[in-house]
């Protein structure tokens, strides 16, 4: 009589081995997938830096400002527009963005979904009056008010003279102290695309993550492996940072080394 290909016991052993291999491989596959998504995100945030490099050439070596002008956000021209609505800057990113007819400038449906960080689930939700693909809930600019000296008000990094410089006055390249250490853009969540020192508090992100809370809460999004965020620095390099790299407990003053090194762009705290 011909012997069966497998006895029941042998079949159970094979199944057990397969299950064990799956259990071993799945975490590794998940880790590889997360790493790939982080790399994709880093490529997008690097593109923001490349666009800024072109912007500097065309704007007297000024980096793109958080806010161009002092009028309302959606003034219909370059005045009063945040970096993510500033046509002079957006043209250099060159992704074919179109203005959101609901009045949210380029914060709404105009940004290709592939440009968003793959982990930015909140950016794909229908919020802010409709639409998805919100770049403002994906990346944020460092708008720490203390960093911008004469070019600042309660909104941070703005133009002093929008009538004569309609694209706004950003920080000039020569003003940035230790550009390889100063944050420029970072994984972040805010309805107008800005974060500051207190936004780096990890508890703010852990409380809301990517699926709840309001978009007006300014917070660094530690959405990558090891609770890390991708960050673009003023020298145009991108690296993964953890909260311990950019946050030291909430005492933003001249005696706090981390605050001065990372967030204080032109050294006014020293």
C-alpha atoms as a PDB file:
ATOM      1  CA  UNK A   1       0.000   0.000   0.000  1.00  0.00           C
ATOM      2  CA  UNK A   2       1.345   3.386  -0.977  1.00  0.00           C
ATOM      3  CA  UNK A   3       2.355   5.553   1.953  1.00  0.00           C
ATOM      4  CA  UNK A   4       0.495   8.930   2.218  1.00  0.00           C
ATOM      5  CA  UNK A   5       2.591  11.974   1.300  1.00  0.00           C
ATOM      6  CA  UNK A   6       2.342  13.210   4.876  1.00  0.00           C
ATOM      7  CA  UNK A   7       1.060  11.708   8.059  1.00  0.00           C
ATOM      8  CA  UNK A   8      -1.098  13.916  10.214  1.00  0.00           C
ATOM      9  CA  UNK A   9       1.761  14.454  12.637  1.00  0.00           C
ATOM     10  CA  UNK A  10       4.151  15.372   9.826  1.00  0.00           C
ATOM     11  CA  UNK A  11       1.614  17.782   8.376  1.00  0.00           C
ATOM     12  CA  UNK A  12       1.198  19.471  11.760  1.00  0.00           C
ATOM     13  CA  UNK A  13       4.973  19.787  12.048  1.00  0.00           C
ATOM     14  CA  UNK A  14       5.177  21.428   8.615  1.00  0.00           C
ATOM     15  CA  UNK A  15       2.364  23.815   9.505  1.00  0.00           C
ATOM     16  CA  UNK A  16       4.097  24.664  12.774  1.00  0.00           C
ATOM     17  CA  UNK A  17       7.371  25.391  10.971  1.00  0.00           C
ATOM     18  CA  UNK A  18       5.608  27.618   8.450  1.00  0.00           C
ATOM     19  CA  UNK A  19       3.822  29.486  11.252  1.00  0.00           C
ATOM     20  CA  UNK A  20       7.124  29.941  13.071  1.00  0.00           C
ATOM     21  CA  UNK A  21       8.799  31.306   9.941  1.00  0.00           C
ATOM     22  CA  UNK A  22       5.922  33.726   9.388  1.00  0.00           C
ATOM     23  CA  UNK A  23       6.158  34.885  13.002  1.00  0.00           C
ATOM     24  CA  UNK A  24       9.882  35.498  12.548  1.00  0.00           C
ATOM     25  CA  UNK A  25       9.621  37.210   9.176  1.00  0.00           C
ATOM     26  CA  UNK A  26       6.580  39.446   9.712  1.00  0.00           C
ATOM     27  CA  UNK A  27       8.269  41.884  12.150  1.00  0.00           C
ATOM     28  CA  UNK A  28      11.242  42.151   9.815  1.00  0.00           C
ATOM     29  CA  UNK A  29       8.953  42.823   6.859  1.00  0.00           C
ATOM     30  CA  UNK A  30       7.016  45.371   8.879  1.00  0.00           C
ATOM     31  CA  UNK A  31      10.235  47.091   9.902  1.00  0.00           C
ATOM     32  CA  UNK A  32      11.458  47.169   6.302  1.00  0.00           C
ATOM     33  CA  UNK A  33       8.132  48.634   5.183  1.00  0.00           C
ATOM     34  CA  UNK A  34       8.279  51.343   7.864  1.00  0.00           C
ATOM     35  CA  UNK A  35      11.848  52.196   6.879  1.00  0.00           C
ATOM     36  CA  UNK A  36      10.831  52.474   3.225  1.00  0.00           C
ATOM     37  CA  UNK A  37       7.977  54.814   4.149  1.00  0.00           C
ATOM     38  CA  UNK A  38      10.361  56.957   6.185  1.00  0.00           C
ATOM     39  CA  UNK A  39      12.710  57.194   3.201  1.00  0.00           C
ATOM     40  CA  UNK A  40       9.802  58.280   0.994  1.00  0.00           C
ATOM     41  CA  UNK A  41       8.891  60.954   3.526  1.00  0.00           C
ATOM     42  CA  UNK A  42      12.508  62.130   3.693  1.00  0.00           C
ATOM     43  CA  UNK A  43      12.520  62.541  -0.086  1.00  0.00           C
ATOM     44  CA  UNK A  44       9.472  64.817   0.079  1.00  0.00           C
ATOM     45  CA  UNK A  45      10.835  66.996   2.863  1.00  0.00           C
ATOM     46  CA  UNK A  46      14.146  67.209   0.970  1.00  0.00           C
ATOM     47  CA  UNK A  47      12.185  68.527  -2.023  1.00  0.00           C
ATOM     48  CA  UNK A  48      10.961  71.396   0.168  1.00  0.00           C
ATOM     49  CA  UNK A  49      14.592  72.249   0.829  1.00  0.00           C
ATOM     50  CA  UNK A  50      15.481  72.078  -2.855  1.00  0.00           C
ATOM     51  CA  UNK A  51      12.643  74.470  -3.629  1.00  0.00           C
ATOM     52  CA  UNK A  52      13.942  76.808  -0.932  1.00  0.00           C
ATOM     53  CA  UNK A  53      17.394  76.784  -2.533  1.00  0.00           C
ATOM     54  CA  UNK A  54      15.861  78.094  -5.766  1.00  0.00           C
ATOM     55  CA  UNK A  55      13.748  80.591  -3.816  1.00  0.00           C
ATOM     56  CA  UNK A  56      16.913  81.998  -2.238  1.00  0.00           C
ATOM     57  CA  UNK A  57      18.471  82.618  -5.630  1.00  0.00           C
ATOM     58  CA  UNK A  58      15.407  84.595  -6.725  1.00  0.00           C
ATOM     59  CA  UNK A  59      14.880  86.423  -3.403  1.00  0.00           C
ATOM     60  CA  UNK A  60      18.146  87.996  -2.311  1.00  0.00           C
ATOM     61  CA  UNK A  61      19.335  84.851  -0.511  1.00  0.00           C
ATOM     62  CA  UNK A  62      16.288  84.891   1.780  1.00  0.00           C
ATOM     63  CA  UNK A  63      14.902  81.546   2.888  1.00  0.00           C
ATOM     64  CA  UNK A  64      11.181  81.152   2.295  1.00  0.00           C
ATOM     65  CA  UNK A  65       9.350  82.855   5.194  1.00  0.00           C
ATOM     66  CA  UNK A  66       6.621  81.296   7.254  1.00  0.00           C
ATOM     67  CA  UNK A  67       4.370  84.230   6.370  1.00  0.00           C
ATOM     68  CA  UNK A  68       4.708  86.553   3.388  1.00  0.00           C
ATOM     69  CA  UNK A  69       3.091  89.874   4.239  1.00  0.00           C
ATOM     70  CA  UNK A  70       0.759  90.803   7.071  1.00  0.00           C
ATOM     71  CA  UNK A  71      -2.684  90.690   5.447  1.00  0.00           C
ATOM     72  CA  UNK A  72      -5.162  87.865   5.844  1.00  0.00           C
ATOM     73  CA  UNK A  73      -4.006  84.363   4.947  1.00  0.00           C
ATOM     74  CA  UNK A  74      -5.928  84.131   1.692  1.00  0.00           C
ATOM     75  CA  UNK A  75      -5.477  87.616   0.295  1.00  0.00           C
ATOM     76  CA  UNK A  76      -5.598  86.444  -3.316  1.00  0.00           C
ATOM     77  CA  UNK A  77      -1.966  87.369  -3.944  1.00  0.00           C
ATOM     78  CA  UNK A  78       1.415  86.818  -2.310  1.00  0.00           C
ATOM     79  CA  UNK A  79       0.576  89.043   0.675  1.00  0.00           C
ATOM     80  CA  UNK A  80      -0.497  87.330   3.868  1.00  0.00           C
ATOM     81  CA  UNK A  81       0.256  83.835   2.607  1.00  0.00           C
ATOM     82  CA  UNK A  82       1.977  81.104   4.559  1.00  0.00           C
ATOM     83  CA  UNK A  83       4.828  79.156   2.978  1.00  0.00           C
ATOM     84  CA  UNK A  84       2.413  76.484   1.772  1.00  0.00           C
ATOM     85  CA  UNK A  85       0.294  79.094  -0.018  1.00  0.00           C
ATOM     86  CA  UNK A  86       3.118  81.276  -1.329  1.00  0.00           C
ATOM     87  CA  UNK A  87       2.958  80.942  -5.110  1.00  0.00           C
ATOM     88  CA  UNK A  88       6.519  82.213  -5.503  1.00  0.00           C
ATOM     89  CA  UNK A  89       7.718  79.251  -3.420  1.00  0.00           C
ATOM     90  CA  UNK A  90       5.187  76.645  -4.542  1.00  0.00           C
ATOM     91  CA  UNK A  91       6.250  77.069  -8.160  1.00  0.00           C
ATOM     92  CA  UNK A  92       9.686  75.737  -7.228  1.00  0.00           C
ATOM     93  CA  UNK A  93       8.263  72.591  -5.645  1.00  0.00           C
ATOM     94  CA  UNK A  94       6.610  72.035  -9.039  1.00  0.00           C
ATOM     95  CA  UNK A  95       4.130  69.273  -8.312  1.00  0.00           C
ATOM     96  CA  UNK A  96       1.267  70.780 -10.254  1.00  0.00           C
ATOM     97  CA  UNK A  97      -0.551  71.986  -7.147  1.00  0.00           C
ATOM     98  CA  UNK A  98      -3.817  73.796  -7.723  1.00  0.00           C
ATOM     99  CA  UNK A  99      -5.447  76.259  -5.377  1.00  0.00           C
ATOM    100  CA  UNK A 100      -8.309  74.931  -3.266  1.00  0.00           C
ATOM    101  CA  UNK A 101     -11.524  76.730  -4.343  1.00  0.00           C
ATOM    102  CA  UNK A 102     -12.895  76.429  -0.796  1.00  0.00           C
ATOM    103  CA  UNK A 103     -10.501  79.196   0.231  1.00  0.00           C
ATOM    104  CA  UNK A 104      -7.757  77.174   1.892  1.00  0.00           C
ATOM    105  CA  UNK A 105      -5.102  78.167  -0.612  1.00  0.00           C
ATOM    106  CA  UNK A 106      -2.699  75.334  -1.271  1.00  0.00           C
ATOM    107  CA  UNK A 107      -3.474  73.603   2.034  1.00  0.00           C
ATOM    108  CA  UNK A 108      -6.286  71.570   0.521  1.00  0.00           C
ATOM    109  CA  UNK A 109      -6.605  69.241  -2.433  1.00  0.00           C
ATOM    110  CA  UNK A 110      -3.856  70.810  -4.503  1.00  0.00           C
ATOM    111  CA  UNK A 111      -0.956  68.704  -3.180  1.00  0.00           C
ATOM    112  CA  UNK A 112      -0.479  65.231  -4.691  1.00  0.00           C
ATOM    113  CA  UNK A 113      -1.171  62.518  -2.148  1.00  0.00           C
ATOM    114  CA  UNK A 114       2.116  60.828  -3.073  1.00  0.00           C
ATOM    115  CA  UNK A 115       3.979  63.875  -1.762  1.00  0.00           C
ATOM    116  CA  UNK A 116       2.512  63.501   1.719  1.00  0.00           C
ATOM    117  CA  UNK A 117       4.397  61.493   4.299  1.00  0.00           C
ATOM    118  CA  UNK A 118       3.047  57.926   3.976  1.00  0.00           C
ATOM    119  CA  UNK A 119       2.456  57.873   7.738  1.00  0.00           C
ATOM    120  CA  UNK A 120       0.495  61.158   7.780  1.00  0.00           C
ATOM    121  CA  UNK A 121      -2.966  59.608   8.095  1.00  0.00           C
ATOM    122  CA  UNK A 122      -4.523  62.773   9.517  1.00  0.00           C
ATOM    123  CA  UNK A 123      -3.514  64.678   6.390  1.00  0.00           C
ATOM    124  CA  UNK A 124      -5.800  62.450   4.343  1.00  0.00           C
ATOM    125  CA  UNK A 125      -8.885  63.003   6.496  1.00  0.00           C
ATOM    126  CA  UNK A 126     -11.588  65.390   5.325  1.00  0.00           C
ATOM    127  CA  UNK A 127     -11.100  68.353   7.620  1.00  0.00           C
ATOM    128  CA  UNK A 128     -10.598  72.111   7.450  1.00  0.00           C
ATOM    129  CA  UNK A 129     -13.844  72.629   5.597  1.00  0.00           C
ATOM    130  CA  UNK A 130     -13.471  69.814   3.124  1.00  0.00           C
ATOM    131  CA  UNK A 131     -10.816  68.325   0.915  1.00  0.00           C
ATOM    132  CA  UNK A 132      -7.894  66.072   1.665  1.00  0.00           C
ATOM    133  CA  UNK A 133      -4.150  65.906   0.954  1.00  0.00           C
ATOM    134  CA  UNK A 134      -3.381  68.627   3.508  1.00  0.00           C
ATOM    135  CA  UNK A 135       0.300  69.487   3.352  1.00  0.00           C
ATOM    136  CA  UNK A 136      -0.167  71.555   6.527  1.00  0.00           C
ATOM    137  CA  UNK A 137      -0.853  68.348   8.459  1.00  0.00           C
ATOM    138  CA  UNK A 138       2.213  66.687   6.992  1.00  0.00           C
ATOM    139  CA  UNK A 139       5.136  69.117   7.242  1.00  0.00           C
ATOM    140  CA  UNK A 140       5.652  72.281   9.275  1.00  0.00           C
ATOM    141  CA  UNK A 141       8.140  75.134   9.250  1.00  0.00           C
ATOM    142  CA  UNK A 142      10.071  76.268  12.333  1.00  0.00           C
ATOM    143  CA  UNK A 143       8.318  79.524  13.210  1.00  0.00           C
ATOM    144  CA  UNK A 144       9.634  79.945  16.742  1.00  0.00           C
ATOM    145  CA  UNK A 145       9.049  83.673  17.287  1.00  0.00           C
ATOM    146  CA  UNK A 146      12.224  84.179  19.302  1.00  0.00           C
ATOM    147  CA  UNK A 147      14.263  83.084  16.308  1.00  0.00           C
ATOM    148  CA  UNK A 148      13.296  85.889  13.979  1.00  0.00           C
ATOM    149  CA  UNK A 149      14.367  89.094  15.710  1.00  0.00           C
ATOM    150  CA  UNK A 150      13.235  92.124  13.678  1.00  0.00           C
ATOM    151  CA  UNK A 151      11.314  90.033  11.158  1.00  0.00           C
ATOM    152  CA  UNK A 152       8.676  88.752  13.554  1.00  0.00           C
ATOM    153  CA  UNK A 153       5.327  89.389  15.168  1.00  0.00           C
ATOM    154  CA  UNK A 154       2.900  87.099  16.989  1.00  0.00           C
ATOM    155  CA  UNK A 155       2.773  84.886  13.918  1.00  0.00           C
ATOM    156  CA  UNK A 156       6.521  84.436  13.688  1.00  0.00           C
ATOM    157  CA  UNK A 157       8.587  84.758  10.559  1.00  0.00           C
ATOM    158  CA  UNK A 158       7.037  87.579   8.439  1.00  0.00           C
ATOM    159  CA  UNK A 159       7.816  90.435   6.071  1.00  0.00           C
ATOM    160  CA  UNK A 160       8.391  93.882   7.567  1.00  0.00           C
ATOM    161  CA  UNK A 161       7.666  95.662   4.303  1.00  0.00           C
ATOM    162  CA  UNK A 162       5.245  93.682   2.118  1.00  0.00           C
ATOM    163  CA  UNK A 163       4.564  96.743  -0.044  1.00  0.00           C
ATOM    164  CA  UNK A 164       8.086  96.727  -1.430  1.00  0.00           C
ATOM    165  CA  UNK A 165       8.910  93.029  -1.019  1.00  0.00           C
ATOM    166  CA  UNK A 166       5.633  91.217  -1.742  1.00  0.00           C
ATOM    167  CA  UNK A 167       7.074  87.732  -1.386  1.00  0.00           C
ATOM    168  CA  UNK A 168       8.040  88.516   2.192  1.00  0.00           C
ATOM    169  CA  UNK A 169      11.321  88.768   4.019  1.00  0.00           C
ATOM    170  CA  UNK A 170      12.730  85.480   5.167  1.00  0.00           C
ATOM    171  CA  UNK A 171      15.838  84.781   7.155  1.00  0.00           C
ATOM    172  CA  UNK A 172      18.861  85.568   5.001  1.00  0.00           C
ATOM    173  CA  UNK A 173      21.306  82.692   4.546  1.00  0.00           C
ATOM    174  CA  UNK A 174      24.127  84.646   6.168  1.00  0.00           C
ATOM    175  CA  UNK A 175      22.020  85.202   9.300  1.00  0.00           C
ATOM    176  CA  UNK A 176      21.601  81.517  10.127  1.00  0.00           C
ATOM    177  CA  UNK A 177      24.024  80.472  12.831  1.00  0.00           C
ATOM    178  CA  UNK A 178      25.245  76.870  12.529  1.00  0.00           C
ATOM    179  CA  UNK A 179      22.814  75.955   9.738  1.00  0.00           C
ATOM    180  CA  UNK A 180      23.550  72.224  10.071  1.00  0.00           C
ATOM    181  CA  UNK A 181      22.029  72.360  13.584  1.00  0.00           C
ATOM    182  CA  UNK A 182      19.012  74.612  12.972  1.00  0.00           C
ATOM    183  CA  UNK A 183      15.609  73.130  12.198  1.00  0.00           C
ATOM    184  CA  UNK A 184      13.854  74.448   9.099  1.00  0.00           C
ATOM    185  CA  UNK A 185      11.076  71.975   8.168  1.00  0.00           C
ATOM    186  CA  UNK A 186       9.959  68.905  10.119  1.00  0.00           C
ATOM    187  CA  UNK A 187       7.232  66.262  10.213  1.00  0.00           C
ATOM    188  CA  UNK A 188       4.484  68.271  11.860  1.00  0.00           C
ATOM    189  CA  UNK A 189       0.762  68.859  12.284  1.00  0.00           C
ATOM    190  CA  UNK A 190      -0.782  72.320  12.328  1.00  0.00           C
ATOM    191  CA  UNK A 191      -3.611  73.841  10.311  1.00  0.00           C
ATOM    192  CA  UNK A 192      -1.296  76.553   8.969  1.00  0.00           C
ATOM    193  CA  UNK A 193       1.905  74.529   8.774  1.00  0.00           C
ATOM    194  CA  UNK A 194       4.085  75.823  11.610  1.00  0.00           C
ATOM    195  CA  UNK A 195       5.619  74.476  14.786  1.00  0.00           C
ATOM    196  CA  UNK A 196       7.847  75.873  17.519  1.00  0.00           C
ATOM    197  CA  UNK A 197       9.864  74.713  20.472  1.00  0.00           C
ATOM    198  CA  UNK A 198       6.895  73.708  22.645  1.00  0.00           C
ATOM    199  CA  UNK A 199       5.472  71.742  19.702  1.00  0.00           C
ATOM    200  CA  UNK A 200       8.315  69.255  20.185  1.00  0.00           C
ATOM    201  CA  UNK A 201       6.804  67.989  23.449  1.00  0.00           C
ATOM    202  CA  UNK A 202       6.256  64.293  22.618  1.00  0.00           C
ATOM    203  CA  UNK A 203       3.196  64.069  24.854  1.00  0.00           C
ATOM    204  CA  UNK A 204       1.339  66.404  22.475  1.00  0.00           C
ATOM    205  CA  UNK A 205       1.746  63.961  19.618  1.00  0.00           C
ATOM    206  CA  UNK A 206       1.196  60.845  21.704  1.00  0.00           C
ATOM    207  CA  UNK A 207      -2.088  62.315  22.945  1.00  0.00           C
ATOM    208  CA  UNK A 208      -3.540  62.806  19.454  1.00  0.00           C
ATOM    209  CA  UNK A 209      -1.401  60.772  17.044  1.00  0.00           C
ATOM    210  CA  UNK A 210      -2.674  60.917  13.440  1.00  0.00           C
ATOM    211  CA  UNK A 211      -6.334  60.130  13.876  1.00  0.00           C
ATOM    212  CA  UNK A 212      -7.801  62.450  16.484  1.00  0.00           C
ATOM    213  CA  UNK A 213      -7.597  65.892  17.991  1.00  0.00           C
ATOM    214  CA  UNK A 214      -7.821  69.227  16.251  1.00  0.00           C
ATOM    215  CA  UNK A 215      -5.536  70.375  13.482  1.00  0.00           C
ATOM    216  CA  UNK A 216      -4.887  73.700  15.224  1.00  0.00           C
ATOM    217  CA  UNK A 217      -2.757  71.997  17.862  1.00  0.00           C
ATOM    218  CA  UNK A 218       0.846  72.664  16.912  1.00  0.00           C
ATOM    219  CA  UNK A 219       2.891  69.504  17.307  1.00  0.00           C
ATOM    220  CA  UNK A 220       5.908  67.759  15.880  1.00  0.00           C
ATOM    221  CA  UNK A 221       4.750  64.432  14.433  1.00  0.00           C
ATOM    222  CA  UNK A 222       6.959  61.624  15.726  1.00  0.00           C
ATOM    223  CA  UNK A 223       5.394  59.250  13.229  1.00  0.00           C
ATOM    224  CA  UNK A 224       8.385  57.152  12.166  1.00  0.00           C
ATOM    225  CA  UNK A 225      10.158  54.121  13.721  1.00  0.00           C
ATOM    226  CA  UNK A 226      11.454  54.704  17.208  1.00  0.00           C
ATOM    227  CA  UNK A 227       9.100  57.683  17.648  1.00  0.00           C
ATOM    228  CA  UNK A 228      11.210  59.775  15.307  1.00  0.00           C
ATOM    229  CA  UNK A 229      10.498  62.589  12.843  1.00  0.00           C
ATOM    230  CA  UNK A 230      12.186  63.566   9.601  1.00  0.00           C
ATOM    231  CA  UNK A 231      13.738  67.023   9.753  1.00  0.00           C
ATOM    232  CA  UNK A 232      15.232  69.357   7.160  1.00  0.00           C
ATOM    233  CA  UNK A 233      17.962  71.638   8.486  1.00  0.00           C
ATOM    234  CA  UNK A 234      19.039  75.006   7.118  1.00  0.00           C
ATOM    235  CA  UNK A 235      22.076  73.491   5.411  1.00  0.00           C
ATOM    236  CA  UNK A 236      19.593  71.385   3.362  1.00  0.00           C
ATOM    237  CA  UNK A 237      20.423  67.998   4.905  1.00  0.00           C
ATOM    238  CA  UNK A 238      17.625  65.733   6.140  1.00  0.00           C
ATOM    239  CA  UNK A 239      17.905  63.472   9.160  1.00  0.00           C
ATOM    240  CA  UNK A 240      15.753  61.487  11.537  1.00  0.00           C
ATOM    241  CA  UNK A 241      15.365  63.136  14.957  1.00  0.00           C
ATOM    242  CA  UNK A 242      13.861  61.911  18.210  1.00  0.00           C
ATOM    243  CA  UNK A 243      12.245  64.120  20.800  1.00  0.00           C
ATOM    244  CA  UNK A 244      15.384  64.071  22.933  1.00  0.00           C
ATOM    245  CA  UNK A 245      17.229  65.728  20.042  1.00  0.00           C
ATOM    246  CA  UNK A 246      14.906  68.745  19.860  1.00  0.00           C
ATOM    247  CA  UNK A 247      13.105  68.931  23.205  1.00  0.00           C
ATOM    248  CA  UNK A 248      14.502  69.340  26.701  1.00  0.00           C
ATOM    249  CA  UNK A 249      11.458  69.735  28.884  1.00  0.00           C
ATOM    250  CA  UNK A 250       9.890  73.072  28.065  1.00  0.00           C
ATOM    251  CA  UNK A 251      12.282  75.740  29.366  1.00  0.00           C
ATOM    252  CA  UNK A 252      12.909  77.813  26.260  1.00  0.00           C
ATOM    253  CA  UNK A 253      15.524  80.366  27.330  1.00  0.00           C
ATOM    254  CA  UNK A 254      19.171  81.205  26.881  1.00  0.00           C
ATOM    255  CA  UNK A 255      20.277  78.724  29.522  1.00  0.00           C
ATOM    256  CA  UNK A 256      18.763  75.774  27.659  1.00  0.00           C
ATOM    257  CA  UNK A 257      21.326  74.364  25.280  1.00  0.00           C
ATOM    258  CA  UNK A 258      18.913  72.372  23.114  1.00  0.00           C
ATOM    259  CA  UNK A 259      16.552  75.295  22.559  1.00  0.00           C
ATOM    260  CA  UNK A 260      19.359  77.567  21.416  1.00  0.00           C
ATOM    261  CA  UNK A 261      21.098  74.948  19.280  1.00  0.00           C
ATOM    262  CA  UNK A 262      18.078  73.653  17.377  1.00  0.00           C
ATOM    263  CA  UNK A 263      15.232  76.176  17.315  1.00  0.00           C
ATOM    264  CA  UNK A 264      16.917  79.561  17.660  1.00  0.00           C
ATOM    265  CA  UNK A 265      17.850  80.163  14.024  1.00  0.00           C
ATOM    266  CA  UNK A 266      19.724  83.464  14.225  1.00  0.00           C
ATOM    267  CA  UNK A 267      20.989  83.239  17.798  1.00  0.00           C
ATOM    268  CA  UNK A 268      18.940  85.957  19.482  1.00  0.00           C
ATOM    269  CA  UNK A 269      18.732  83.933  22.675  1.00  0.00           C
ATOM    270  CA  UNK A 270      22.476  84.018  23.299  1.00  0.00           C
END
